[in-house]
Amino acid sequence: MIDLANAVRATPDLSREALAELLAHHGENARDLTPTAFSVHDADELRAAVVRITGVLTETDPDRAAEEINSLLAAHAGPPRLSRHDGHPWHLHVDRGDDTDWADWFLAAGALALAQILTEHGRITWGECASARCATLYPGTGPGSAQRYCSAACATRERVAAHRRRAKG
């Protein structure tokens, strides 16, 4: 979810092929990513779904995030069901079935994942890098101090810049 969101933020008109490659990299089956199974229309709808979930990924208030997650679940999820396919172990699906379109699948699965993180940790662990020179989304690490930066490189760059400002000042 985070990789898709970062890719679509960087390239809003990301091609169907690039989306399919990213989905394959994250374990989606190649036969489900052919141009007939994952069409240009599917790619357009998936990009729109990614933009919608990015609103949750950039939300800093847990209550507002929970409201948006609930809204996504109400609009896109079906009854929970266990699924085992393509060599994966049993896992939970909340999409509306095996013939669900890509956008609904992404929003239902993404909302479920974010709901699990929020309830497990009691706070938002994901976010947008606090560096003024970066807008990368990160998933967060869960317990411990809240994460502010997408990487050690961004955190270090910001600490060094703050140190230099104080030294000048």
N, C-alpha and C. Protein backbone atom coordinates (compact mmCIF):
# COMPACT_ATOMS: atom_id res chain seq x y z
N MET A 1 0.83 -1.19 0.00
CA MET A 1 0.00 0.00 0.00
C MET A 1 0.87 1.25 0.00
N ILE A 2 1.88 1.28 0.86
CA ILE A 2 2.74 2.45 0.96
C ILE A 2 3.52 2.63 -0.34
N ASP A 3 4.04 1.54 -0.90
CA ASP A 3 4.79 1.65 -2.15
C ASP A 3 3.91 2.15 -3.29
N LEU A 4 2.68 1.66 -3.35
CA LEU A 4 1.75 2.14 -4.38
C LEU A 4 1.46 3.62 -4.17
N ALA A 5 1.21 4.01 -2.94
CA ALA A 5 0.91 5.42 -2.65
C ALA A 5 2.09 6.31 -3.01
N ASN A 6 3.30 5.91 -2.65
CA ASN A 6 4.47 6.72 -3.00
C ASN A 6 4.67 6.78 -4.51
N ALA A 7 4.44 5.67 -5.19
CA ALA A 7 4.61 5.65 -6.65
C ALA A 7 3.60 6.55 -7.33
N VAL A 8 2.35 6.50 -6.90
CA VAL A 8 1.30 7.33 -7.53
C VAL A 8 1.48 8.79 -7.16
N ARG A 9 1.96 9.08 -5.96
CA ARG A 9 2.24 10.47 -5.60
C ARG A 9 3.36 11.03 -6.46
N ALA A 10 4.37 10.21 -6.72
CA ALA A 10 5.51 10.66 -7.53
C ALA A 10 5.14 10.79 -9.01
N THR A 11 4.28 9.88 -9.47
CA THR A 11 3.87 9.85 -10.88
C THR A 11 2.36 9.62 -10.94
N PRO A 12 1.58 10.70 -10.86
CA PRO A 12 0.11 10.54 -10.81
C PRO A 12 -0.48 9.77 -11.98
N ASP A 13 0.16 9.80 -13.13
CA ASP A 13 -0.36 9.06 -14.29
C ASP A 13 0.45 7.78 -14.53
N LEU A 14 0.90 7.16 -13.45
CA LEU A 14 1.68 5.93 -13.52
C LEU A 14 0.99 4.94 -14.45
N SER A 15 1.73 4.36 -15.35
CA SER A 15 1.15 3.49 -16.38
C SER A 15 0.59 2.19 -15.80
N ARG A 16 -0.27 1.58 -16.57
CA ARG A 16 -0.82 0.28 -16.20
C ARG A 16 0.31 -0.73 -16.01
N GLU A 17 1.29 -0.68 -16.90
CA GLU A 17 2.40 -1.62 -16.82
C GLU A 17 3.22 -1.41 -15.54
N ALA A 18 3.48 -0.16 -15.19
CA ALA A 18 4.24 0.12 -13.97
C ALA A 18 3.46 -0.30 -12.73
N LEU A 19 2.16 -0.08 -12.73
CA LEU A 19 1.33 -0.53 -11.61
C LEU A 19 1.35 -2.05 -11.51
N ALA A 20 1.22 -2.72 -12.66
CA ALA A 20 1.25 -4.19 -12.68
C ALA A 20 2.58 -4.70 -12.15
N GLU A 21 3.67 -4.07 -12.55
CA GLU A 21 4.99 -4.48 -12.07
C GLU A 21 5.10 -4.32 -10.56
N LEU A 22 4.60 -3.22 -10.04
CA LEU A 22 4.63 -2.98 -8.60
C LEU A 22 3.76 -4.00 -7.86
N LEU A 23 2.59 -4.30 -8.39
CA LEU A 23 1.72 -5.30 -7.78
C LEU A 23 2.39 -6.68 -7.80
N ALA A 24 3.04 -7.01 -8.90
CA ALA A 24 3.75 -8.29 -8.99
C ALA A 24 4.89 -8.35 -7.98
N HIS A 25 5.58 -7.24 -7.81
CA HIS A 25 6.68 -7.18 -6.84
C HIS A 25 6.17 -7.46 -5.42
N HIS A 26 4.91 -7.14 -5.18
CA HIS A 26 4.32 -7.36 -3.85
C HIS A 26 3.49 -8.63 -3.78
N GLY A 27 3.71 -9.54 -4.73
CA GLY A 27 3.13 -10.87 -4.60
C GLY A 27 1.89 -11.17 -5.39
N GLU A 28 1.38 -10.21 -6.15
CA GLU A 28 0.21 -10.51 -6.97
C GLU A 28 0.62 -11.44 -8.11
N ASN A 29 -0.26 -12.35 -8.46
CA ASN A 29 0.02 -13.36 -9.47
C ASN A 29 0.07 -12.74 -10.86
N ALA A 30 1.06 -13.14 -11.64
CA ALA A 30 1.25 -12.59 -12.99
C ALA A 30 0.01 -12.79 -13.86
N ARG A 31 -0.69 -13.91 -13.70
CA ARG A 31 -1.88 -14.14 -14.54
C ARG A 31 -3.01 -13.15 -14.21
N ASP A 32 -2.98 -12.58 -13.00
CA ASP A 32 -3.97 -11.58 -12.62
C ASP A 32 -3.58 -10.18 -13.07
N LEU A 33 -2.40 -10.04 -13.68
CA LEU A 33 -1.89 -8.73 -14.06
C LEU A 33 -1.72 -8.56 -15.56
N THR A 34 -2.25 -9.52 -16.33
CA THR A 34 -2.21 -9.39 -17.78
C THR A 34 -3.11 -8.22 -18.19
N PRO A 35 -2.92 -7.68 -19.38
CA PRO A 35 -3.77 -6.55 -19.81
C PRO A 35 -5.27 -6.86 -19.83
N THR A 36 -5.65 -8.12 -19.98
CA THR A 36 -7.08 -8.44 -19.94
C THR A 36 -7.59 -8.55 -18.51
N ALA A 37 -6.75 -9.03 -17.59
CA ALA A 37 -7.17 -9.17 -16.19
C ALA A 37 -6.99 -7.87 -15.41
N PHE A 38 -6.04 -7.06 -15.80
CA PHE A 38 -5.75 -5.77 -15.16
C PHE A 38 -5.64 -4.74 -16.29
N SER A 39 -6.78 -4.18 -16.64
CA SER A 39 -6.89 -3.31 -17.81
C SER A 39 -6.44 -1.88 -17.50
N VAL A 40 -6.40 -1.07 -18.53
CA VAL A 40 -6.11 0.36 -18.36
C VAL A 40 -7.19 0.98 -17.46
N HIS A 41 -8.43 0.58 -17.64
CA HIS A 41 -9.52 1.08 -16.79
C HIS A 41 -9.29 0.67 -15.33
N ASP A 42 -8.88 -0.58 -15.12
CA ASP A 42 -8.58 -1.04 -13.75
C ASP A 42 -7.45 -0.20 -13.16
N ALA A 43 -6.44 0.08 -13.96
CA ALA A 43 -5.31 0.89 -13.49
C ALA A 43 -5.78 2.30 -13.12
N ASP A 44 -6.65 2.89 -13.94
CA ASP A 44 -7.19 4.22 -13.63
C ASP A 44 -7.93 4.21 -12.30
N GLU A 45 -8.77 3.20 -12.10
CA GLU A 45 -9.53 3.11 -10.85
C GLU A 45 -8.62 2.82 -9.66
N LEU A 46 -7.59 2.00 -9.86
CA LEU A 46 -6.65 1.72 -8.78
C LEU A 46 -5.89 2.98 -8.39
N ARG A 47 -5.45 3.77 -9.38
CA ARG A 47 -4.78 5.04 -9.05
C ARG A 47 -5.69 5.94 -8.23
N ALA A 48 -6.95 6.03 -8.58
CA ALA A 48 -7.91 6.84 -7.81
C ALA A 48 -8.07 6.29 -6.39
N ALA A 49 -8.10 4.98 -6.26
CA ALA A 49 -8.20 4.35 -4.93
C ALA A 49 -6.96 4.65 -4.10
N VAL A 50 -5.81 4.63 -4.74
CA VAL A 50 -4.56 4.94 -4.04
C VAL A 50 -4.60 6.38 -3.53
N VAL A 51 -5.08 7.29 -4.34
CA VAL A 51 -5.20 8.69 -3.91
C VAL A 51 -6.14 8.78 -2.71
N ARG A 52 -7.22 8.03 -2.75
CA ARG A 52 -8.18 8.09 -1.63
C ARG A 52 -7.55 7.57 -0.33
N ILE A 53 -6.82 6.47 -0.38
CA ILE A 53 -6.24 5.93 0.84
C ILE A 53 -5.07 6.77 1.32
N THR A 54 -4.46 7.53 0.39
CA THR A 54 -3.38 8.43 0.78
C THR A 54 -3.89 9.48 1.77
N GLY A 55 -5.16 9.81 1.68
CA GLY A 55 -5.75 10.73 2.66
C GLY A 55 -5.66 10.18 4.08
N VAL A 56 -5.80 8.88 4.23
CA VAL A 56 -5.65 8.25 5.54
C VAL A 56 -4.17 8.20 5.93
N LEU A 57 -3.33 7.90 4.96
CA LEU A 57 -1.90 7.77 5.24
C LEU A 57 -1.24 9.10 5.62
N THR A 58 -1.86 10.21 5.28
CA THR A 58 -1.31 11.51 5.65
C THR A 58 -2.05 12.13 6.84
N GLU A 59 -3.05 11.45 7.34
CA GLU A 59 -3.81 11.93 8.50
C GLU A 59 -2.98 11.75 9.77
N THR A 60 -2.96 12.77 10.61
CA THR A 60 -2.20 12.69 11.86
C THR A 60 -3.08 12.50 13.08
N ASP A 61 -4.36 12.74 12.95
CA ASP A 61 -5.28 12.59 14.08
C ASP A 61 -5.89 11.19 14.05
N PRO A 62 -5.68 10.39 15.11
CA PRO A 62 -6.20 9.01 15.11
C PRO A 62 -7.71 8.92 14.98
N ASP A 63 -8.43 9.87 15.55
CA ASP A 63 -9.90 9.82 15.46
C ASP A 63 -10.36 10.06 14.03
N ARG A 64 -9.77 11.04 13.37
CA ARG A 64 -10.15 11.29 11.96
C ARG A 64 -9.71 10.12 11.08
N ALA A 65 -8.54 9.55 11.36
CA ALA A 65 -8.09 8.39 10.59
C ALA A 65 -9.07 7.23 10.77
N ALA A 66 -9.50 7.00 12.00
CA ALA A 66 -10.44 5.91 12.26
C ALA A 66 -11.77 6.14 11.53
N GLU A 67 -12.23 7.38 11.51
CA GLU A 67 -13.47 7.68 10.79
C GLU A 67 -13.33 7.38 9.30
N GLU A 68 -12.19 7.76 8.73
CA GLU A 68 -11.98 7.51 7.30
C GLU A 68 -11.82 6.02 7.03
N ILE A 69 -11.12 5.31 7.90
CA ILE A 69 -10.98 3.86 7.76
C ILE A 69 -12.36 3.20 7.82
N ASN A 70 -13.18 3.62 8.77
CA ASN A 70 -14.54 3.07 8.87
C ASN A 70 -15.33 3.36 7.60
N SER A 71 -15.17 4.55 7.05
CA SER A 71 -15.86 4.91 5.82
C SER A 71 -15.42 4.01 4.66
N LEU A 72 -14.12 3.75 4.57
CA LEU A 72 -13.61 2.87 3.52
C LEU A 72 -14.13 1.45 3.70
N LEU A 73 -14.12 0.96 4.92
CA LEU A 73 -14.62 -0.39 5.17
C LEU A 73 -16.11 -0.50 4.84
N ALA A 74 -16.89 0.51 5.22
CA ALA A 74 -18.33 0.48 4.93
C ALA A 74 -18.59 0.49 3.43
N ALA A 75 -17.79 1.23 2.69
CA ALA A 75 -18.03 1.38 1.26
C ALA A 75 -17.44 0.24 0.42
N HIS A 76 -16.39 -0.43 0.91
CA HIS A 76 -15.67 -1.35 0.04
C HIS A 76 -15.48 -2.77 0.58
N ALA A 77 -15.75 -2.99 1.84
CA ALA A 77 -15.49 -4.31 2.42
C ALA A 77 -16.76 -5.17 2.44
N GLY A 78 -16.54 -6.45 2.41
CA GLY A 78 -17.61 -7.42 2.58
C GLY A 78 -17.35 -8.18 3.86
N PRO A 79 -18.10 -9.24 4.09
CA PRO A 79 -17.87 -10.04 5.30
C PRO A 79 -16.46 -10.63 5.29
N PRO A 80 -15.81 -10.68 6.44
CA PRO A 80 -14.48 -11.30 6.49
C PRO A 80 -14.54 -12.76 6.07
N ARG A 81 -13.49 -13.19 5.36
CA ARG A 81 -13.42 -14.58 4.94
C ARG A 81 -11.95 -14.99 4.88
N LEU A 82 -11.71 -16.25 5.14
CA LEU A 82 -10.36 -16.77 5.02
C LEU A 82 -10.12 -17.22 3.59
N SER A 83 -8.91 -16.96 3.11
CA SER A 83 -8.57 -17.30 1.73
C SER A 83 -7.17 -17.90 1.70
N ARG A 84 -6.98 -18.86 0.80
CA ARG A 84 -5.65 -19.42 0.56
C ARG A 84 -5.54 -19.61 -0.94
N HIS A 85 -4.64 -18.88 -1.54
CA HIS A 85 -4.50 -18.93 -3.00
C HIS A 85 -3.07 -18.65 -3.39
N ASP A 86 -2.71 -19.07 -4.58
CA ASP A 86 -1.41 -18.78 -5.17
C ASP A 86 -0.24 -19.13 -4.27
N GLY A 87 -0.37 -20.19 -3.48
CA GLY A 87 0.72 -20.62 -2.62
C GLY A 87 0.85 -19.86 -1.31
N HIS A 88 -0.04 -18.91 -1.08
CA HIS A 88 -0.01 -18.16 0.18
C HIS A 88 -0.69 -18.98 1.28
N PRO A 89 -0.29 -18.80 2.54
CA PRO A 89 -1.00 -19.47 3.62
C PRO A 89 -2.39 -18.82 3.81
N TRP A 90 -3.19 -19.43 4.66
CA TRP A 90 -4.51 -18.87 4.97
C TRP A 90 -4.32 -17.43 5.46
N HIS A 91 -5.17 -16.55 4.97
CA HIS A 91 -5.14 -15.15 5.39
C HIS A 91 -6.53 -14.56 5.26
N LEU A 92 -6.72 -13.43 5.90
CA LEU A 92 -8.03 -12.78 5.96
C LEU A 92 -8.24 -11.88 4.76
N HIS A 93 -9.39 -11.99 4.13
CA HIS A 93 -9.83 -11.07 3.09
C HIS A 93 -11.11 -10.41 3.56
N VAL A 94 -11.25 -9.13 3.21
CA VAL A 94 -12.51 -8.45 3.49
C VAL A 94 -13.08 -7.83 2.22
N ASP A 95 -12.48 -8.18 1.07
CA ASP A 95 -13.08 -7.71 -0.18
C ASP A 95 -14.38 -8.47 -0.40
N ARG A 96 -15.10 -8.11 -1.42
CA ARG A 96 -16.43 -8.67 -1.62
C ARG A 96 -16.43 -9.99 -2.38
N GLY A 97 -15.27 -10.53 -2.68
CA GLY A 97 -15.20 -11.82 -3.36
C GLY A 97 -14.07 -11.86 -4.35
N ASP A 98 -13.86 -13.03 -4.93
CA ASP A 98 -12.74 -13.21 -5.84
C ASP A 98 -12.86 -12.40 -7.12
N ASP A 99 -14.07 -11.95 -7.46
CA ASP A 99 -14.24 -11.15 -8.68
C ASP A 99 -14.32 -9.65 -8.39
N THR A 100 -13.94 -9.24 -7.20
CA THR A 100 -13.93 -7.83 -6.84
C THR A 100 -12.95 -7.07 -7.72
N ASP A 101 -13.30 -5.85 -8.10
CA ASP A 101 -12.36 -5.09 -8.93
C ASP A 101 -11.16 -4.64 -8.10
N TRP A 102 -10.11 -4.24 -8.79
CA TRP A 102 -8.84 -3.90 -8.16
C TRP A 102 -8.98 -2.77 -7.15
N ALA A 103 -9.74 -1.74 -7.48
CA ALA A 103 -9.88 -0.59 -6.59
C ALA A 103 -10.58 -0.98 -5.29
N ASP A 104 -11.68 -1.72 -5.37
CA ASP A 104 -12.38 -2.15 -4.16
C ASP A 104 -11.50 -3.07 -3.32
N TRP A 105 -10.80 -4.00 -3.99
CA TRP A 105 -9.89 -4.89 -3.27
C TRP A 105 -8.84 -4.08 -2.52
N PHE A 106 -8.23 -3.12 -3.20
CA PHE A 106 -7.17 -2.31 -2.60
C PHE A 106 -7.70 -1.50 -1.41
N LEU A 107 -8.86 -0.87 -1.58
CA LEU A 107 -9.40 -0.05 -0.49
C LEU A 107 -9.85 -0.91 0.69
N ALA A 108 -10.46 -2.05 0.43
CA ALA A 108 -10.88 -2.94 1.53
C ALA A 108 -9.66 -3.50 2.26
N ALA A 109 -8.69 -4.01 1.52
CA ALA A 109 -7.50 -4.59 2.14
C ALA A 109 -6.67 -3.53 2.84
N GLY A 110 -6.53 -2.38 2.22
CA GLY A 110 -5.77 -1.29 2.83
C GLY A 110 -6.41 -0.78 4.10
N ALA A 111 -7.72 -0.61 4.07
CA ALA A 111 -8.44 -0.15 5.26
C ALA A 111 -8.32 -1.17 6.39
N LEU A 112 -8.41 -2.45 6.06
CA LEU A 112 -8.25 -3.49 7.08
C LEU A 112 -6.85 -3.43 7.69
N ALA A 113 -5.83 -3.31 6.86
CA ALA A 113 -4.45 -3.25 7.35
C ALA A 113 -4.26 -2.04 8.28
N LEU A 114 -4.76 -0.89 7.86
CA LEU A 114 -4.61 0.31 8.69
C LEU A 114 -5.42 0.19 9.99
N ALA A 115 -6.60 -0.43 9.91
CA ALA A 115 -7.39 -0.65 11.12
C ALA A 115 -6.65 -1.54 12.10
N GLN A 116 -6.02 -2.60 11.58
CA GLN A 116 -5.26 -3.50 12.45
C GLN A 116 -4.10 -2.76 13.12
N ILE A 117 -3.38 -1.96 12.37
CA ILE A 117 -2.26 -1.20 12.94
C ILE A 117 -2.75 -0.22 14.00
N LEU A 118 -3.80 0.52 13.68
CA LEU A 118 -4.32 1.52 14.62
C LEU A 118 -4.83 0.87 15.91
N THR A 119 -5.51 -0.26 15.79
CA THR A 119 -6.02 -0.91 17.00
C THR A 119 -4.92 -1.61 17.77
N GLU A 120 -3.93 -2.16 17.07
CA GLU A 120 -2.84 -2.86 17.76
C GLU A 120 -1.96 -1.90 18.55
N HIS A 121 -1.69 -0.74 17.98
CA HIS A 121 -0.77 0.20 18.63
C HIS A 121 -1.47 1.36 19.33
N GLY A 122 -2.75 1.53 19.08
CA GLY A 122 -3.50 2.60 19.73
C GLY A 122 -3.15 3.99 19.24
N ARG A 123 -2.42 4.04 18.16
CA ARG A 123 -2.02 5.33 17.58
C ARG A 123 -1.66 5.12 16.12
N ILE A 124 -1.50 6.21 15.41
CA ILE A 124 -1.06 6.16 14.02
C ILE A 124 0.44 5.93 14.01
N THR A 125 0.88 4.89 13.32
CA THR A 125 2.32 4.64 13.20
C THR A 125 2.83 5.00 11.81
N TRP A 126 1.93 5.20 10.86
CA TRP A 126 2.31 5.56 9.51
C TRP A 126 2.31 7.07 9.38
N GLY A 127 2.82 7.59 8.28
CA GLY A 127 2.76 9.02 8.07
C GLY A 127 3.57 9.48 6.87
N GLU A 128 3.69 10.79 6.80
CA GLU A 128 4.44 11.44 5.74
C GLU A 128 5.71 12.00 6.35
N CYS A 129 6.82 11.83 5.69
CA CYS A 129 8.12 12.29 6.18
C CYS A 129 8.03 13.77 6.57
N ALA A 130 8.57 14.10 7.74
CA ALA A 130 8.54 15.47 8.25
C ALA A 130 9.60 16.36 7.64
N SER A 131 10.48 15.80 6.83
CA SER A 131 11.51 16.60 6.17
C SER A 131 10.85 17.52 5.15
N ALA A 132 11.26 18.77 5.16
CA ALA A 132 10.71 19.74 4.22
C ALA A 132 11.06 19.38 2.77
N ARG A 133 12.12 18.60 2.57
CA ARG A 133 12.57 18.24 1.23
C ARG A 133 12.07 16.87 0.80
N CYS A 134 11.15 16.29 1.53
CA CYS A 134 10.70 14.92 1.22
C CYS A 134 9.20 14.82 1.51
N ALA A 135 8.51 14.06 0.71
CA ALA A 135 7.08 13.82 0.94
C ALA A 135 6.78 12.33 0.93
N THR A 136 7.79 11.52 1.22
CA THR A 136 7.63 10.07 1.19
C THR A 136 6.76 9.60 2.34
N LEU A 137 5.85 8.69 2.04
CA LEU A 137 5.04 8.06 3.07
C LEU A 137 5.81 6.89 3.65
N TYR A 138 5.61 6.62 4.93
CA TYR A 138 6.27 5.47 5.57
C TYR A 138 5.24 4.69 6.37
N PRO A 139 5.48 3.39 6.56
CA PRO A 139 4.51 2.57 7.27
C PRO A 139 4.61 2.68 8.79
N GLY A 140 5.71 3.10 9.33
CA GLY A 140 5.88 3.15 10.78
C GLY A 140 6.34 1.82 11.32
N THR A 141 6.90 1.87 12.51
CA THR A 141 7.48 0.66 13.09
C THR A 141 6.68 0.12 14.26
N GLY A 142 5.62 0.79 14.61
CA GLY A 142 4.79 0.27 15.69
C GLY A 142 5.19 0.78 17.05
N PRO A 143 5.61 -0.11 17.94
CA PRO A 143 5.90 0.32 19.31
C PRO A 143 7.10 1.26 19.36
N GLY A 144 7.23 1.94 20.47
CA GLY A 144 8.34 2.87 20.63
C GLY A 144 7.91 4.28 20.27
N SER A 145 8.90 5.12 20.14
CA SER A 145 8.64 6.52 19.81
C SER A 145 8.00 6.64 18.44
N ALA A 146 7.19 7.65 18.31
CA ALA A 146 6.55 7.90 17.02
C ALA A 146 7.61 8.26 15.99
N GLN A 147 7.47 7.73 14.82
CA GLN A 147 8.39 7.99 13.72
C GLN A 147 8.00 9.30 13.06
N ARG A 148 8.98 10.10 12.65
CA ARG A 148 8.70 11.37 11.98
C ARG A 148 9.26 11.41 10.56
N TYR A 149 10.24 10.57 10.30
CA TYR A 149 10.93 10.61 9.02
C TYR A 149 10.84 9.25 8.33
N CYS A 150 10.92 9.28 7.01
CA CYS A 150 10.81 8.04 6.24
C CYS A 150 12.07 7.20 6.30
N SER A 151 13.20 7.83 6.64
CA SER A 151 14.47 7.11 6.63
C SER A 151 15.46 7.78 7.58
N ALA A 152 16.50 7.05 7.90
CA ALA A 152 17.57 7.62 8.72
C ALA A 152 18.23 8.77 7.97
N ALA A 153 18.32 8.69 6.66
CA ALA A 153 18.94 9.76 5.87
C ALA A 153 18.17 11.07 6.03
N CYS A 154 16.85 11.02 5.94
CA CYS A 154 16.04 12.24 6.11
C CYS A 154 16.16 12.77 7.54
N ALA A 155 16.12 11.89 8.52
CA ALA A 155 16.24 12.32 9.92
C ALA A 155 17.58 12.99 10.16
N THR A 156 18.64 12.40 9.66
CA THR A 156 19.98 12.96 9.84
C THR A 156 20.10 14.30 9.13
N ARG A 157 19.61 14.39 7.91
CA ARG A 157 19.65 15.65 7.16
C ARG A 157 18.94 16.76 7.93
N GLU A 158 17.79 16.45 8.51
CA GLU A 158 17.05 17.47 9.26
C GLU A 158 17.77 17.85 10.56
N ARG A 159 18.36 16.86 11.25
CA ARG A 159 19.11 17.16 12.48
C ARG A 159 20.33 18.04 12.19
N VAL A 160 21.03 17.72 11.11
CA VAL A 160 22.20 18.52 10.74
C VAL A 160 21.78 19.94 10.37
N ALA A 161 20.71 20.08 9.60
CA ALA A 161 20.22 21.41 9.23
C ALA A 161 19.81 22.20 10.47
N ALA A 162 19.12 21.56 11.41
CA ALA A 162 18.72 22.25 12.65
C ALA A 162 19.95 22.66 13.46
N HIS A 163 20.94 21.80 13.53
CA HIS A 163 22.18 22.11 14.24
C HIS A 163 22.87 23.31 13.62
N ARG A 164 22.95 23.34 12.29
CA ARG A 164 23.58 24.46 11.60
C ARG A 164 22.81 25.77 11.81
N ARG A 165 21.48 25.69 11.82
CA ARG A 165 20.68 26.90 12.09
C ARG A 165 20.96 27.42 13.50
N ARG A 166 21.01 26.50 14.47
CA ARG A 166 21.29 26.92 15.86
C ARG A 166 22.70 27.51 15.98
N ALA A 167 23.66 26.91 15.30
CA ALA A 167 25.05 27.37 15.37
C ALA A 167 25.20 28.77 14.77
N LYS A 168 24.43 29.05 13.72
CA LYS A 168 24.47 30.37 13.10
C LYS A 168 23.79 31.41 13.97
N GLY A 169 22.79 30.98 14.67
CA GLY A 169 21.84 31.85 15.27
C GLY A 169 22.04 32.53 16.50
